[in-house]
Amino acid sequence: MIVAIIQARMGSTRLPGKVMMKVRNKPLLYYVINQTLHSKKIYKTIIATTNLLQDNKIVEFANSLGVEIYRGSELDVLDRYYKCAKKYNADSIVRITADCPLIDPQLIDKCITEFEKNEFDYFSNINKKEGNKRIYYPNGFPLGFAVEVFTFKALEEAWKNAKKPSEREHVGKYFLSNPTLFKIGNIENSNDYSDMRLTIDYIIDFDLIKTIIEYFPDDEIYNMEKIAQFLNKKTQLKQMNSHISFDQEYQKSLADNKIVEGKSN
């Protein structure tokens, strides 16, 4: 059984409460959920949030849509994923983040198809092989269209053995750090849209996403190619947040690793 787990919390350090910020009177979380529910290959979609009181808003909203909820650790996202997947008896997990409201269900299904066809342990559109290593890489996809698929067995191994803060915060990090332990795959986009930032970490990101959502019809199921065509005609929009790097938050977590390792020496 393939389960999509959408990680969501109110406590973002850069844009607190962003998942409940509204466009067309609907919170951004609605768009993430709705896009994911239009995948043809996902059996169940679950919101994985934290036990903090501030995340009651997320629980109440998910309940209003009839979407199931799991509550767990705030900072140990890997633990939250593992316990959520275990509770719902997932054989395989699709990881989606709540700051990607335009995630394309067709892309989700394409990643799942490749994952199943080749019996990978971990598959995504945001990694590539570099020498003997695997690294995060956009592969021509816009930032905000990340899809990660992995087996429960691989998730359990990561949960048991991952020690670094970056490996506990970023669920896919342990897989990429140990490419000899896992069968890992990736896809590349036929067009290069990696200069498009369609995730939400800052208010300028929200402004861009709001503009895109309001451009399309109210009942739109957002498609990566259609969005890219729109932005390529509106270069000033595409450039609004282009100064923010692809892996800014990930590099921060790597710096946290060094702090922890320094304290332990």
Protein backbone atom coordinates (compact mmCIF):
# COMPACT_ATOMS: atom_id res chain seq x y z
CA MET A 1 0.00 0.00 0.00
CA ILE A 2 1.38 3.39 -1.05
CA VAL A 3 0.75 6.14 1.47
CA ALA A 4 1.45 9.84 0.91
CA ILE A 5 2.61 11.62 4.05
CA ILE A 6 2.44 15.42 3.93
CA GLN A 7 4.55 17.00 6.64
CA ALA A 8 3.04 20.24 7.94
CA ARG A 9 3.46 22.48 10.96
CA MET A 10 2.68 26.03 11.98
CA GLY A 11 6.09 26.74 13.50
CA SER A 12 8.16 27.66 10.45
CA THR A 13 11.02 29.89 11.59
CA ARG A 14 11.05 32.00 8.42
CA LEU A 15 7.32 32.37 7.74
CA PRO A 16 5.32 31.19 10.77
CA GLY A 17 1.87 29.84 10.00
CA LYS A 18 2.52 29.75 6.26
CA VAL A 19 0.61 26.50 5.69
CA MET A 20 -2.61 28.24 6.80
CA MET A 21 -2.05 31.47 4.86
CA LYS A 22 -4.98 31.89 2.48
CA VAL A 23 -5.37 32.30 -1.25
CA ARG A 24 -8.92 32.51 -2.60
CA ASN A 25 -10.07 32.00 0.98
CA LYS A 26 -8.40 28.58 1.18
CA PRO A 27 -5.25 27.84 3.19
CA LEU A 28 -2.17 26.75 1.28
CA LEU A 29 -2.47 23.37 2.95
CA TYR A 30 -5.71 22.83 1.03
CA TYR A 31 -3.87 23.08 -2.29
CA VAL A 32 -1.16 20.61 -1.22
CA ILE A 33 -3.79 18.11 -0.08
CA ASN A 34 -5.99 18.58 -3.14
CA GLN A 35 -3.10 18.15 -5.57
CA THR A 36 -1.90 15.02 -3.77
CA LEU A 37 -5.40 13.51 -3.68
CA HIS A 38 -5.48 13.70 -7.48
CA SER A 39 -2.65 11.17 -7.73
CA LYS A 40 -3.96 7.93 -9.25
CA LYS A 41 -1.41 5.71 -7.52
CA ILE A 42 -1.64 6.82 -3.87
CA TYR A 43 -3.92 4.72 -1.67
CA LYS A 44 -4.14 7.09 1.33
CA THR A 45 -3.01 10.64 2.13
CA ILE A 46 -2.10 11.58 5.70
CA ILE A 47 -1.04 14.86 7.30
CA ALA A 48 1.87 14.39 9.70
CA THR A 49 2.07 17.31 12.10
CA THR A 50 3.42 17.86 15.61
CA ASN A 51 2.05 17.50 19.12
CA LEU A 52 2.31 21.24 19.73
CA LEU A 53 -0.87 23.15 20.58
CA GLN A 54 -0.29 25.60 17.72
CA ASP A 55 -0.73 22.72 15.27
CA ASN A 56 -4.29 22.11 16.43
CA LYS A 57 -5.28 24.44 13.58
CA ILE A 58 -3.81 21.97 11.09
CA VAL A 59 -5.63 19.08 12.76
CA GLU A 60 -8.95 20.92 12.70
CA PHE A 61 -8.56 21.80 9.03
CA ALA A 62 -7.57 18.26 8.01
CA ASN A 63 -10.56 16.92 9.94
CA SER A 64 -12.84 19.30 8.05
CA LEU A 65 -11.64 17.73 4.79
CA GLY A 66 -11.84 14.18 6.10
CA VAL A 67 -8.06 13.72 5.81
CA GLU A 68 -6.38 11.57 8.45
CA ILE A 69 -3.84 13.03 10.85
CA TYR A 70 -0.76 11.77 12.66
CA ARG A 71 0.89 13.83 15.40
CA GLY A 72 4.49 13.33 16.45
CA SER A 73 7.88 14.93 17.04
CA GLU A 74 8.35 18.58 16.07
CA LEU A 75 12.03 18.45 15.15
CA ASP A 76 12.68 14.75 14.52
CA VAL A 77 10.80 14.58 11.22
CA LEU A 78 12.27 11.17 10.41
CA ASP A 79 10.72 9.79 13.60
CA ARG A 80 7.41 11.40 12.72
CA TYR A 81 7.44 9.78 9.29
CA TYR A 82 8.44 6.37 10.56
CA LYS A 83 5.79 6.20 13.27
CA CYS A 84 3.11 7.55 10.93
CA ALA A 85 3.99 5.01 8.24
CA LYS A 86 4.03 2.20 10.80
CA LYS A 87 0.65 3.19 12.21
CA TYR A 88 -0.96 3.11 8.76
CA ASN A 89 0.81 -0.09 7.62
CA ALA A 90 2.44 1.59 4.63
CA ASP A 91 4.50 -0.59 2.32
CA SER A 92 5.85 2.45 0.51
CA ILE A 93 5.76 6.14 1.34
CA VAL A 94 5.54 9.26 -0.82
CA ARG A 95 6.99 12.26 0.98
CA ILE A 96 5.36 15.63 0.23
CA THR A 97 6.01 18.86 2.10
CA ALA A 98 3.30 21.40 2.91
CA ASP A 99 5.31 24.32 1.52
CA CYS A 100 4.80 22.98 -2.03
CA PRO A 101 1.16 23.84 -2.82
CA LEU A 102 1.48 23.31 -6.59
CA ILE A 103 2.91 19.78 -6.46
CA ASP A 104 1.92 18.01 -9.69
CA PRO A 105 -0.06 14.76 -9.26
CA GLN A 106 1.12 13.56 -12.67
CA LEU A 107 4.73 13.97 -11.51
CA ILE A 108 3.92 12.08 -8.31
CA ASP A 109 2.53 9.18 -10.35
CA LYS A 110 5.50 9.20 -12.71
CA CYS A 111 7.91 8.89 -9.77
CA ILE A 112 5.85 6.09 -8.21
CA THR A 113 5.77 4.21 -11.53
CA GLU A 114 9.56 4.37 -11.91
CA PHE A 115 10.04 3.43 -8.25
CA GLU A 116 7.85 0.34 -8.60
CA LYS A 117 9.10 -0.72 -12.03
CA ASN A 118 12.74 -0.88 -10.91
CA GLU A 119 12.14 -1.94 -7.29
CA PHE A 120 14.10 0.94 -5.80
CA ASP A 121 14.52 1.50 -2.07
CA TYR A 122 14.49 5.26 -2.59
CA PHE A 123 13.54 7.26 -5.66
CA SER A 124 13.16 10.98 -6.26
CA ASN A 125 13.33 13.73 -8.83
CA ILE A 126 15.70 15.77 -6.64
CA ASN A 127 18.86 13.67 -6.43
CA LYS A 128 21.67 12.72 -8.76
CA LYS A 129 24.76 10.54 -8.67
CA GLU A 130 28.04 12.40 -8.29
CA GLY A 131 31.01 10.06 -8.23
CA ASN A 132 30.36 7.51 -5.50
CA LYS A 133 27.87 9.81 -3.76
CA ARG A 134 24.28 10.91 -4.15
CA ILE A 135 23.46 14.57 -3.66
CA TYR A 136 20.37 16.76 -3.67
CA TYR A 137 19.93 18.27 -7.12
CA PRO A 138 16.92 19.83 -8.93
CA ASN A 139 17.35 17.85 -12.20
CA GLY A 140 15.55 20.54 -14.18
CA PHE A 141 12.47 20.59 -11.94
CA PRO A 142 11.20 23.78 -10.28
CA LEU A 143 11.87 24.06 -6.57
CA GLY A 144 8.55 23.12 -4.98
CA PHE A 145 7.98 19.99 -7.08
CA ALA A 146 9.98 17.51 -5.03
CA VAL A 147 8.68 13.95 -4.89
CA GLU A 148 10.41 11.29 -2.79
CA VAL A 149 9.29 7.65 -2.72
CA PHE A 150 10.79 4.98 -0.46
CA THR A 151 10.00 1.61 1.05
CA PHE A 152 8.98 1.18 4.66
CA LYS A 153 11.95 -1.15 5.13
CA ALA A 154 14.36 1.58 3.99
CA LEU A 155 12.60 4.13 6.20
CA GLU A 156 12.91 1.83 9.20
CA GLU A 157 16.63 1.36 8.58
CA ALA A 158 17.11 5.13 8.38
CA TRP A 159 15.03 5.64 11.54
CA LYS A 160 17.20 3.16 13.46
CA ASN A 161 20.58 4.40 12.25
CA ALA A 162 20.41 8.10 11.34
CA LYS A 163 22.21 10.21 13.94
CA LYS A 164 22.98 13.62 12.44
CA PRO A 165 20.49 16.51 12.84
CA SER A 166 20.26 16.88 9.04
CA GLU A 167 19.38 13.17 8.75
CA ARG A 168 16.61 13.47 11.34
CA GLU A 169 15.21 16.70 9.87
CA HIS A 170 15.48 15.84 6.16
CA VAL A 171 13.95 12.42 5.68
CA GLY A 172 15.82 11.55 2.48
CA LYS A 173 19.26 12.60 3.70
CA TYR A 174 20.24 9.25 5.23
CA PHE A 175 19.45 7.41 1.99
CA LEU A 176 21.59 9.75 -0.10
CA SER A 177 24.42 9.62 2.45
CA ASN A 178 24.52 5.81 2.23
CA PRO A 179 24.13 4.93 -1.46
CA THR A 180 25.76 1.51 -1.01
CA LEU A 181 23.03 0.46 1.45
CA PHE A 182 20.09 1.37 -0.77
CA LYS A 183 19.06 1.01 -4.40
CA ILE A 184 18.52 4.65 -5.37
CA GLY A 185 17.08 6.12 -8.56
CA ASN A 186 16.13 9.46 -10.02
CA ILE A 187 14.54 11.12 -13.04
CA GLU A 188 15.49 14.27 -14.89
CA ASN A 189 13.09 16.73 -16.45
CA SER A 190 13.20 17.06 -20.24
CA ASN A 191 13.13 20.85 -19.86
CA ASP A 192 15.16 22.91 -17.41
CA TYR A 193 12.83 24.73 -15.04
CA SER A 194 15.28 24.80 -12.13
CA ASP A 195 15.32 28.61 -12.22
CA MET A 196 11.70 28.61 -10.98
CA ARG A 197 11.19 28.78 -7.21
CA LEU A 198 7.67 27.58 -6.38
CA THR A 199 8.01 26.65 -2.74
CA ILE A 200 7.09 28.89 0.19
CA ASP A 201 9.65 29.97 2.78
CA TYR A 202 9.32 33.75 2.59
CA ILE A 203 6.54 36.25 1.99
CA ILE A 204 7.88 36.93 -1.51
CA ASP A 205 7.41 33.21 -2.27
CA PHE A 206 3.82 33.45 -1.05
CA ASP A 207 3.19 36.47 -3.27
CA LEU A 208 4.36 34.54 -6.33
CA ILE A 209 2.32 31.43 -5.51
CA LYS A 210 -0.75 33.60 -4.86
CA THR A 211 -0.35 35.24 -8.28
CA ILE A 212 -0.11 31.84 -10.00
CA ILE A 213 -3.11 30.35 -8.19
CA GLU A 214 -5.25 33.39 -8.94
CA TYR A 215 -4.28 33.30 -12.63
CA PHE A 216 -5.75 29.82 -13.16
CA PRO A 217 -9.43 28.81 -12.78
CA ASP A 218 -10.68 28.14 -9.26
CA ASP A 219 -10.99 24.39 -9.80
CA GLU A 220 -7.59 23.99 -11.49
CA ILE A 221 -5.45 20.91 -10.88
CA TYR A 222 -2.06 22.54 -11.24
CA ASN A 223 0.31 21.15 -13.84
CA MET A 224 4.05 21.80 -13.94
CA GLU A 225 4.22 22.41 -17.69
CA LYS A 226 1.31 24.87 -17.70
CA ILE A 227 2.82 26.81 -14.79
CA ALA A 228 6.23 26.87 -16.48
CA GLN A 229 4.70 28.19 -19.70
CA PHE A 230 2.95 30.93 -17.74
CA LEU A 231 6.12 31.97 -15.90
CA ASN A 232 8.27 31.91 -19.03
CA LYS A 233 5.90 34.52 -20.47
CA LYS A 234 6.06 36.55 -17.23
CA THR A 235 9.79 36.75 -16.59
CA GLN A 236 9.38 39.49 -14.00
CA LEU A 237 7.35 37.08 -11.88
CA LYS A 238 9.89 34.29 -12.26
CA GLN A 239 12.63 36.63 -11.08
CA MET A 240 10.74 37.77 -7.94
CA ASN A 241 12.41 35.21 -5.67
CA SER A 242 15.20 33.88 -7.90
CA HIS A 243 17.89 35.23 -5.54
CA ILE A 244 17.08 32.53 -2.94
CA SER A 245 19.26 29.43 -3.33
CA PHE A 246 17.95 25.93 -4.05
CA ASP A 247 19.36 24.30 -0.91
CA GLN A 248 19.48 27.17 1.57
CA GLU A 249 17.68 25.33 4.40
CA TYR A 250 19.56 22.10 3.75
CA GLN A 251 22.92 23.89 4.06
CA LYS A 252 21.73 25.30 7.38
CA SER A 253 21.07 21.79 8.69
CA LEU A 254 24.56 20.70 7.59
CA ALA A 255 25.96 23.57 9.64
CA ASP A 256 23.91 22.28 12.60
CA ASN A 257 25.62 18.91 12.13
CA LYS A 258 29.01 20.53 12.66
CA ILE A 259 27.84 22.29 15.80
CA VAL A 260 26.58 19.02 17.31
CA GLU A 261 29.70 17.11 16.28
CA GLY A 262 31.87 19.84 17.77
CA LYS A 263 30.04 19.61 21.08
CA SER A 264 30.51 15.86 21.21
CA ASN A 265 34.29 16.03 20.72
